[in-house]
mmCIF file of all heavy atoms, coordinates in Angstrom:
data_MODEL
# 
_entry.id   MODEL 
# 
loop_
_atom_site.group_PDB 
_atom_site.id 
_atom_site.type_symbol 
_atom_site.label_atom_id 
_atom_site.label_alt_id 
_atom_site.label_comp_id 
_atom_site.label_asym_id 
_atom_site.label_entity_id 
_atom_site.label_seq_id 
_atom_site.pdbx_PDB_ins_code 
_atom_site.Cartn_x 
_atom_site.Cartn_y 
_atom_site.Cartn_z 
_atom_site.occupancy 
_atom_site.B_iso_or_equiv 
_atom_site.pdbx_formal_charge 
_atom_site.auth_seq_id 
_atom_site.auth_comp_id 
_atom_site.auth_asym_id 
_atom_site.auth_atom_id 
_atom_site.pdbx_PDB_model_num 
ATOM 1   N N   . SER A 1 1  ? -10.761 -0.635 -2.037  1.00 0.00 ? 1  SER A N   1 
ATOM 2   C CA  . SER A 1 1  ? -9.996  -1.888 -2.203  1.00 0.00 ? 1  SER A CA  1 
ATOM 3   C C   . SER A 1 1  ? -8.619  -1.510 -2.616  1.00 0.00 ? 1  SER A C   1 
ATOM 4   O O   . SER A 1 1  ? -8.255  -0.399 -2.952  1.00 0.00 ? 1  SER A O   1 
ATOM 5   C CB  . SER A 1 1  ? -10.726 -2.700 -3.381  1.00 0.00 ? 1  SER A CB  1 
ATOM 6   O OG  . SER A 1 1  ? -10.509 -1.998 -4.601  1.00 0.00 ? 1  SER A OG  1 
ATOM 7   N N   . LEU A 1 2  ? -7.758  -2.513 -2.589  1.00 0.00 ? 2  LEU A N   1 
ATOM 8   C CA  . LEU A 1 2  ? -6.315  -2.453 -3.091  1.00 0.00 ? 2  LEU A CA  1 
ATOM 9   C C   . LEU A 1 2  ? -6.303  -1.904 -4.457  1.00 0.00 ? 2  LEU A C   1 
ATOM 10  O O   . LEU A 1 2  ? -5.509  -1.082 -4.805  1.00 0.00 ? 2  LEU A O   1 
ATOM 11  C CB  . LEU A 1 2  ? -5.613  -3.699 -2.892  1.00 0.00 ? 2  LEU A CB  1 
ATOM 12  C CG  . LEU A 1 2  ? -5.193  -4.127 -1.497  1.00 0.00 ? 2  LEU A CG  1 
ATOM 13  C CD1 . LEU A 1 2  ? -4.524  -5.401 -1.497  1.00 0.00 ? 2  LEU A CD1 1 
ATOM 14  C CD2 . LEU A 1 2  ? -4.349  -3.096 -0.763  1.00 0.00 ? 2  LEU A CD2 1 
ATOM 15  N N   . ALA A 1 3  ? -7.187  -2.382 -5.313  1.00 0.00 ? 3  ALA A N   1 
ATOM 16  C CA  . ALA A 1 3  ? -7.232  -2.022 -6.703  1.00 0.00 ? 3  ALA A CA  1 
ATOM 17  C C   . ALA A 1 3  ? -7.589  -0.554 -6.827  1.00 0.00 ? 3  ALA A C   1 
ATOM 18  O O   . ALA A 1 3  ? -6.969  0.145  -7.596  1.00 0.00 ? 3  ALA A O   1 
ATOM 19  C CB  . ALA A 1 3  ? -8.297  -2.872 -7.512  1.00 0.00 ? 3  ALA A CB  1 
ATOM 20  N N   . GLU A 1 4  ? -8.583  -0.133 -6.005  1.00 0.00 ? 4  GLU A N   1 
ATOM 21  C CA  . GLU A 1 4  ? -9.014  1.392  -6.053  1.00 0.00 ? 4  GLU A CA  1 
ATOM 22  C C   . GLU A 1 4  ? -7.865  2.270  -5.615  1.00 0.00 ? 4  GLU A C   1 
ATOM 23  O O   . GLU A 1 4  ? -7.581  3.213  -6.163  1.00 0.00 ? 4  GLU A O   1 
ATOM 24  C CB  . GLU A 1 4  ? -10.273 1.510  -5.209  1.00 0.00 ? 4  GLU A CB  1 
ATOM 25  C CG  . GLU A 1 4  ? -11.497 1.018  -5.796  1.00 0.00 ? 4  GLU A CG  1 
ATOM 26  C CD  . GLU A 1 4  ? -12.634 1.062  -4.836  1.00 0.00 ? 4  GLU A CD  1 
ATOM 27  O OE1 . GLU A 1 4  ? -12.443 0.810  -3.654  1.00 0.00 ? 4  GLU A OE1 1 
ATOM 28  O OE2 . GLU A 1 4  ? -13.744 1.318  -5.321  1.00 0.00 ? 4  GLU A OE2 1 
ATOM 29  N N   . LEU A 1 5  ? -7.147  1.804  -4.519  1.00 0.00 ? 5  LEU A N   1 
ATOM 30  C CA  . LEU A 1 5  ? -6.111  2.547  -3.925  1.00 0.00 ? 5  LEU A CA  1 
ATOM 31  C C   . LEU A 1 5  ? -4.938  2.666  -4.902  1.00 0.00 ? 5  LEU A C   1 
ATOM 32  O O   . LEU A 1 5  ? -4.306  3.765  -5.089  1.00 0.00 ? 5  LEU A O   1 
ATOM 33  C CB  . LEU A 1 5  ? -5.499  1.910  -2.716  1.00 0.00 ? 5  LEU A CB  1 
ATOM 34  C CG  . LEU A 1 5  ? -6.491  1.951  -1.542  1.00 0.00 ? 5  LEU A CG  1 
ATOM 35  C CD1 . LEU A 1 5  ? -6.045  1.018  -0.357  1.00 0.00 ? 5  LEU A CD1 1 
ATOM 36  C CD2 . LEU A 1 5  ? -6.682  3.408  -0.914  1.00 0.00 ? 5  LEU A CD2 1 
ATOM 37  N N   . HIS A 1 6  ? -4.660  1.632  -5.749  1.00 0.00 ? 6  HIS A N   1 
ATOM 38  C CA  . HIS A 1 6  ? -3.561  1.609  -6.828  1.00 0.00 ? 6  HIS A CA  1 
ATOM 39  C C   . HIS A 1 6  ? -4.021  2.584  -7.915  1.00 0.00 ? 6  HIS A C   1 
ATOM 40  O O   . HIS A 1 6  ? -3.227  3.301  -8.462  1.00 0.00 ? 6  HIS A O   1 
ATOM 41  C CB  . HIS A 1 6  ? -3.161  0.219  -7.191  1.00 0.00 ? 6  HIS A CB  1 
ATOM 42  C CG  . HIS A 1 6  ? -2.347  -0.512 -6.293  1.00 0.00 ? 6  HIS A CG  1 
ATOM 43  N ND1 . HIS A 1 6  ? -2.739  -0.971 -5.109  1.00 0.00 ? 6  HIS A ND1 1 
ATOM 44  C CD2 . HIS A 1 6  ? -0.978  -0.757 -6.314  1.00 0.00 ? 6  HIS A CD2 1 
ATOM 45  C CE1 . HIS A 1 6  ? -1.758  -1.511 -4.388  1.00 0.00 ? 6  HIS A CE1 1 
ATOM 46  N NE2 . HIS A 1 6  ? -0.696  -1.343 -5.213  1.00 0.00 ? 6  HIS A NE2 1 
ATOM 47  N N   . ASP A 1 7  ? -5.311  2.460  -8.307  1.00 0.00 ? 7  ASP A N   1 
ATOM 48  C CA  . ASP A 1 7  ? -5.785  3.353  -9.357  1.00 0.00 ? 7  ASP A CA  1 
ATOM 49  C C   . ASP A 1 7  ? -5.692  4.799  -8.972  1.00 0.00 ? 7  ASP A C   1 
ATOM 50  O O   . ASP A 1 7  ? -5.247  5.637  -9.661  1.00 0.00 ? 7  ASP A O   1 
ATOM 51  C CB  . ASP A 1 7  ? -7.276  3.079  -9.689  1.00 0.00 ? 7  ASP A CB  1 
ATOM 52  C CG  . ASP A 1 7  ? -7.337  1.749  -10.539 1.00 0.00 ? 7  ASP A CG  1 
ATOM 53  O OD1 . ASP A 1 7  ? -6.363  1.374  -11.170 1.00 0.00 ? 7  ASP A OD1 1 
ATOM 54  O OD2 . ASP A 1 7  ? -8.437  1.109  -10.568 1.00 0.00 ? 7  ASP A OD2 1 
ATOM 55  N N   . GLN A 1 8  ? -6.094  5.188  -7.698  1.00 0.00 ? 8  GLN A N   1 
ATOM 56  C CA  . GLN A 1 8  ? -6.149  6.542  -7.215  1.00 0.00 ? 8  GLN A CA  1 
ATOM 57  C C   . GLN A 1 8  ? -4.762  7.061  -7.126  1.00 0.00 ? 8  GLN A C   1 
ATOM 58  O O   . GLN A 1 8  ? -4.526  8.257  -7.328  1.00 0.00 ? 8  GLN A O   1 
ATOM 59  C CB  . GLN A 1 8  ? -6.967  6.673  -5.966  1.00 0.00 ? 8  GLN A CB  1 
ATOM 60  C CG  . GLN A 1 8  ? -8.511  6.358  -6.279  1.00 0.00 ? 8  GLN A CG  1 
ATOM 61  C CD  . GLN A 1 8  ? -9.208  6.267  -4.900  1.00 0.00 ? 8  GLN A CD  1 
ATOM 62  O OE1 . GLN A 1 8  ? -8.771  6.559  -3.902  1.00 0.00 ? 8  GLN A OE1 1 
ATOM 63  N NE2 . GLN A 1 8  ? -10.541 5.712  -5.059  1.00 0.00 ? 8  GLN A NE2 1 
ATOM 64  N N   . SER A 1 9  ? -3.822  6.238  -6.626  1.00 0.00 ? 9  SER A N   1 
ATOM 65  C CA  . SER A 1 9  ? -2.445  6.718  -6.385  1.00 0.00 ? 9  SER A CA  1 
ATOM 66  C C   . SER A 1 9  ? -1.606  6.735  -7.629  1.00 0.00 ? 9  SER A C   1 
ATOM 67  O O   . SER A 1 9  ? -0.660  7.607  -7.593  1.00 0.00 ? 9  SER A O   1 
ATOM 68  C CB  . SER A 1 9  ? -1.777  5.814  -5.338  1.00 0.00 ? 9  SER A CB  1 
ATOM 69  O OG  . SER A 1 9  ? -1.559  4.511  -5.854  1.00 0.00 ? 9  SER A OG  1 
ATOM 70  N N   . GLY A 1 10 ? -1.989  6.007  -8.636  1.00 0.00 ? 10 GLY A N   1 
ATOM 71  C CA  . GLY A 1 10 ? -1.160  5.881  -9.736  1.00 0.00 ? 10 GLY A CA  1 
ATOM 72  C C   . GLY A 1 10 ? 0.023   4.962  -9.633  1.00 0.00 ? 10 GLY A C   1 
ATOM 73  O O   . GLY A 1 10 ? 0.885   4.972  -10.482 1.00 0.00 ? 10 GLY A O   1 
ATOM 74  N N   . TRP A 1 11 ? 0.200   4.270  -8.521  1.00 0.00 ? 11 TRP A N   1 
ATOM 75  C CA  . TRP A 1 11 ? 1.341   3.472  -8.258  1.00 0.00 ? 11 TRP A CA  1 
ATOM 76  C C   . TRP A 1 11 ? 1.019   2.041  -8.769  1.00 0.00 ? 11 TRP A C   1 
ATOM 77  O O   . TRP A 1 11 ? -0.030  1.426  -8.457  1.00 0.00 ? 11 TRP A O   1 
ATOM 78  C CB  . TRP A 1 11 ? 1.632   3.418  -6.821  1.00 0.00 ? 11 TRP A CB  1 
ATOM 79  C CG  . TRP A 1 11 ? 1.981   4.710  -6.213  1.00 0.00 ? 11 TRP A CG  1 
ATOM 80  C CD1 . TRP A 1 11 ? 2.534   5.864  -6.805  1.00 0.00 ? 11 TRP A CD1 1 
ATOM 81  C CD2 . TRP A 1 11 ? 1.726   5.240  -4.820  1.00 0.00 ? 11 TRP A CD2 1 
ATOM 82  N NE1 . TRP A 1 11 ? 2.567   6.939  -5.942  1.00 0.00 ? 11 TRP A NE1 1 
ATOM 83  C CE2 . TRP A 1 11 ? 2.095   6.502  -4.790  1.00 0.00 ? 11 TRP A CE2 1 
ATOM 84  C CE3 . TRP A 1 11 ? 1.203   4.606  -3.682  1.00 0.00 ? 11 TRP A CE3 1 
ATOM 85  C CZ2 . TRP A 1 11 ? 2.023   7.168  -3.566  1.00 0.00 ? 11 TRP A CZ2 1 
ATOM 86  C CZ3 . TRP A 1 11 ? 1.068   5.312  -2.536  1.00 0.00 ? 11 TRP A CZ3 1 
ATOM 87  C CH2 . TRP A 1 11 ? 1.478   6.584  -2.474  1.00 0.00 ? 11 TRP A CH2 1 
ATOM 88  N N   . ASP A 1 12 ? 2.030   1.449  -9.487  1.00 0.00 ? 12 ASP A N   1 
ATOM 89  C CA  . ASP A 1 12 ? 1.795   0.102  -9.921  1.00 0.00 ? 12 ASP A CA  1 
ATOM 90  C C   . ASP A 1 12 ? 2.481   -0.867 -9.073  1.00 0.00 ? 12 ASP A C   1 
ATOM 91  O O   . ASP A 1 12 ? 1.977   -2.049 -8.979  1.00 0.00 ? 12 ASP A O   1 
ATOM 92  C CB  . ASP A 1 12 ? 2.507   -0.044 -11.402 1.00 0.00 ? 12 ASP A CB  1 
ATOM 93  C CG  . ASP A 1 12 ? 1.788   0.804  -12.453 1.00 0.00 ? 12 ASP A CG  1 
ATOM 94  O OD1 . ASP A 1 12 ? 0.430   0.889  -12.249 1.00 0.00 ? 12 ASP A OD1 1 
ATOM 95  O OD2 . ASP A 1 12 ? 2.390   1.226  -13.422 1.00 0.00 ? 12 ASP A OD2 1 
ATOM 96  N N   . GLU A 1 13 ? 3.424   -0.570 -8.355  1.00 0.00 ? 13 GLU A N   1 
ATOM 97  C CA  . GLU A 1 13 ? 4.062   -1.488 -7.415  1.00 0.00 ? 13 GLU A CA  1 
ATOM 98  C C   . GLU A 1 13 ? 4.302   -0.837 -6.060  1.00 0.00 ? 13 GLU A C   1 
ATOM 99  O O   . GLU A 1 13 ? 4.795   0.311  -6.071  1.00 0.00 ? 13 GLU A O   1 
ATOM 100 C CB  . GLU A 1 13 ? 5.512   -1.909 -7.948  1.00 0.00 ? 13 GLU A CB  1 
ATOM 101 C CG  . GLU A 1 13 ? 6.052   -3.049 -7.290  1.00 0.00 ? 13 GLU A CG  1 
ATOM 102 C CD  . GLU A 1 13 ? 7.297   -3.642 -7.989  1.00 0.00 ? 13 GLU A CD  1 
ATOM 103 O OE1 . GLU A 1 13 ? 7.725   -3.097 -9.029  1.00 0.00 ? 13 GLU A OE1 1 
ATOM 104 O OE2 . GLU A 1 13 ? 7.898   -4.572 -7.567  1.00 0.00 ? 13 GLU A OE2 1 
ATOM 105 N N   . THR A 1 14 ? 3.794   -1.422 -5.056  1.00 0.00 ? 14 THR A N   1 
ATOM 106 C CA  . THR A 1 14 ? 3.729   -0.761 -3.733  1.00 0.00 ? 14 THR A CA  1 
ATOM 107 C C   . THR A 1 14 ? 4.251   -1.672 -2.602  1.00 0.00 ? 14 THR A C   1 
ATOM 108 O O   . THR A 1 14 ? 4.394   -2.832 -2.797  1.00 0.00 ? 14 THR A O   1 
ATOM 109 C CB  . THR A 1 14 ? 2.358   -0.375 -3.363  1.00 0.00 ? 14 THR A CB  1 
ATOM 110 O OG1 . THR A 1 14 ? 1.505   -1.478 -3.473  1.00 0.00 ? 14 THR A OG1 1 
ATOM 111 C CG2 . THR A 1 14 ? 1.885   0.735  -4.492  1.00 0.00 ? 14 THR A CG2 1 
ATOM 112 N N   . VAL A 1 15 ? 4.404   -1.118 -1.463  1.00 0.00 ? 15 VAL A N   1 
ATOM 113 C CA  . VAL A 1 15 ? 4.565   -1.788 -0.217  1.00 0.00 ? 15 VAL A CA  1 
ATOM 114 C C   . VAL A 1 15 ? 3.511   -1.357 0.787   1.00 0.00 ? 15 VAL A C   1 
ATOM 115 O O   . VAL A 1 15 ? 3.175   -0.271 0.938   1.00 0.00 ? 15 VAL A O   1 
ATOM 116 C CB  . VAL A 1 15 ? 5.903   -1.473 0.433   1.00 0.00 ? 15 VAL A CB  1 
ATOM 117 C CG1 . VAL A 1 15 ? 6.095   -2.100 1.825   1.00 0.00 ? 15 VAL A CG1 1 
ATOM 118 C CG2 . VAL A 1 15 ? 7.068   -2.039 -0.500  1.00 0.00 ? 15 VAL A CG2 1 
ATOM 119 N N   . LEU A 1 16 ? 2.832   -2.373 1.431   1.00 0.00 ? 16 LEU A N   1 
ATOM 120 C CA  . LEU A 1 16 ? 1.769   -2.167 2.303   1.00 0.00 ? 16 LEU A CA  1 
ATOM 121 C C   . LEU A 1 16 ? 2.318   -2.648 3.740   1.00 0.00 ? 16 LEU A C   1 
ATOM 122 O O   . LEU A 1 16 ? 2.860   -3.699 3.829   1.00 0.00 ? 16 LEU A O   1 
ATOM 123 C CB  . LEU A 1 16 ? 0.612   -2.946 2.039   1.00 0.00 ? 16 LEU A CB  1 
ATOM 124 C CG  . LEU A 1 16 ? -0.634  -2.959 2.943   1.00 0.00 ? 16 LEU A CG  1 
ATOM 125 C CD1 . LEU A 1 16 ? -1.335  -1.575 2.851   1.00 0.00 ? 16 LEU A CD1 1 
ATOM 126 C CD2 . LEU A 1 16 ? -1.535  -4.035 2.664   1.00 0.00 ? 16 LEU A CD2 1 
ATOM 127 N N   . LYS A 1 17 ? 2.134   -1.771 4.757   1.00 0.00 ? 17 LYS A N   1 
ATOM 128 C CA  . LYS A 1 17 ? 2.640   -2.128 6.125   1.00 0.00 ? 17 LYS A CA  1 
ATOM 129 C C   . LYS A 1 17 ? 1.803   -1.373 7.089   1.00 0.00 ? 17 LYS A C   1 
ATOM 130 O O   . LYS A 1 17 ? 1.295   -0.318 6.865   1.00 0.00 ? 17 LYS A O   1 
ATOM 131 C CB  . LYS A 1 17 ? 4.092   -1.864 6.282   1.00 0.00 ? 17 LYS A CB  1 
ATOM 132 C CG  . LYS A 1 17 ? 4.621   -0.434 6.007   1.00 0.00 ? 17 LYS A CG  1 
ATOM 133 C CD  . LYS A 1 17 ? 6.082   -0.354 6.101   1.00 0.00 ? 17 LYS A CD  1 
ATOM 134 C CE  . LYS A 1 17 ? 6.617   0.950  5.689   1.00 0.00 ? 17 LYS A CE  1 
ATOM 135 N NZ  . LYS A 1 17 ? 8.134   1.006  5.664   1.00 0.00 ? 17 LYS A NZ  1 
ATOM 136 N N   . PRO A 1 18 ? 1.817   -1.888 8.438   1.00 0.00 ? 18 PRO A N   1 
ATOM 137 C CA  . PRO A 1 18 ? 1.076   -1.171 9.414   1.00 0.00 ? 18 PRO A CA  1 
ATOM 138 C C   . PRO A 1 18 ? 1.835   0.097  9.834   1.00 0.00 ? 18 PRO A C   1 
ATOM 139 O O   . PRO A 1 18 ? 3.026   0.226  9.685   1.00 0.00 ? 18 PRO A O   1 
ATOM 140 C CB  . PRO A 1 18 ? 1.112   -2.154 10.643  1.00 0.00 ? 18 PRO A CB  1 
ATOM 141 C CG  . PRO A 1 18 ? 1.660   -3.443 10.053  1.00 0.00 ? 18 PRO A CG  1 
ATOM 142 C CD  . PRO A 1 18 ? 2.458   -3.170 8.896   1.00 0.00 ? 18 PRO A CD  1 
ATOM 143 N N   . THR A 1 19 ? 1.033   0.994  10.348  1.00 0.00 ? 19 THR A N   1 
ATOM 144 C CA  . THR A 1 19 ? 1.613   2.301  10.812  1.00 0.00 ? 19 THR A CA  1 
ATOM 145 C C   . THR A 1 19 ? 2.247   2.083  12.203  1.00 0.00 ? 19 THR A C   1 
ATOM 146 O O   . THR A 1 19 ? 3.075   2.871  12.560  1.00 0.00 ? 19 THR A O   1 
ATOM 147 C CB  . THR A 1 19 ? 0.617   3.422  10.919  1.00 0.00 ? 19 THR A CB  1 
ATOM 148 O OG1 . THR A 1 19 ? -0.364  3.013  11.820  1.00 0.00 ? 19 THR A OG1 1 
ATOM 149 C CG2 . THR A 1 19 ? -0.056  3.759  9.527   1.00 0.00 ? 19 THR A CG2 1 
ATOM 150 N N   . VAL A 1 20 ? 1.893   1.052  12.885  1.00 0.00 ? 20 VAL A N   1 
ATOM 151 C CA  . VAL A 1 20 ? 2.605   0.671  14.212  1.00 0.00 ? 20 VAL A CA  1 
ATOM 152 C C   . VAL A 1 20 ? 3.004   -0.800 14.014  1.00 0.00 ? 20 VAL A C   1 
ATOM 153 O O   . VAL A 1 20 ? 2.296   -1.764 13.701  1.00 0.00 ? 20 VAL A O   1 
ATOM 154 C CB  . VAL A 1 20 ? 1.580   0.597  15.341  1.00 0.00 ? 20 VAL A CB  1 
ATOM 155 C CG1 . VAL A 1 20 ? 2.170   0.161  16.539  1.00 0.00 ? 20 VAL A CG1 1 
ATOM 156 C CG2 . VAL A 1 20 ? 1.031   2.113  15.603  1.00 0.00 ? 20 VAL A CG2 1 
ATOM 157 N N   . GLY A 1 21 ? 4.389   -0.944 14.123  1.00 0.00 ? 21 GLY A N   1 
ATOM 158 C CA  . GLY A 1 21 ? 4.957   -2.243 14.027  1.00 0.00 ? 21 GLY A CA  1 
ATOM 159 C C   . GLY A 1 21 ? 6.423   -2.184 13.773  1.00 0.00 ? 21 GLY A C   1 
ATOM 160 O O   . GLY A 1 21 ? 7.004   -1.188 13.772  1.00 0.00 ? 21 GLY A O   1 
ATOM 161 N N   . GLY A 1 22 ? 6.918   -3.433 13.513  1.00 0.00 ? 22 GLY A N   1 
ATOM 162 C CA  . GLY A 1 22 ? 8.402   -3.445 13.292  1.00 0.00 ? 22 GLY A CA  1 
ATOM 163 C C   . GLY A 1 22 ? 8.724   -4.860 12.784  1.00 0.00 ? 22 GLY A C   1 
ATOM 164 O O   . GLY A 1 22 ? 7.812   -5.788 12.810  1.00 0.00 ? 22 GLY A O   1 
ATOM 165 N N   . ALA A 1 23 ? 10.024  -5.102 12.532  1.00 0.00 ? 23 ALA A N   1 
ATOM 166 C CA  . ALA A 1 23 ? 10.557  -6.455 12.069  1.00 0.00 ? 23 ALA A CA  1 
ATOM 167 C C   . ALA A 1 23 ? 9.735   -6.998 10.947  1.00 0.00 ? 23 ALA A C   1 
ATOM 168 O O   . ALA A 1 23 ? 9.640   -8.243 10.709  1.00 0.00 ? 23 ALA A O   1 
ATOM 169 C CB  . ALA A 1 23 ? 10.498  -7.374 13.224  1.00 0.00 ? 23 ALA A CB  1 
ATOM 170 N N   . GLY A 1 24 ? 9.135   -6.133 10.033  1.00 0.00 ? 24 GLY A N   1 
ATOM 171 C CA  . GLY A 1 24 ? 8.656   -6.577 8.785   1.00 0.00 ? 24 GLY A CA  1 
ATOM 172 C C   . GLY A 1 24 ? 7.158   -7.169 9.073   1.00 0.00 ? 24 GLY A C   1 
ATOM 173 O O   . GLY A 1 24 ? 6.710   -7.907 8.149   1.00 0.00 ? 24 GLY A O   1 
# 
């Protein structure tokens, strides 16, 4: 989950985006 990913990374504020894409 996003909560688990934030706990494991130690990041409180993040940006999530596709690995393929553009224009936000």
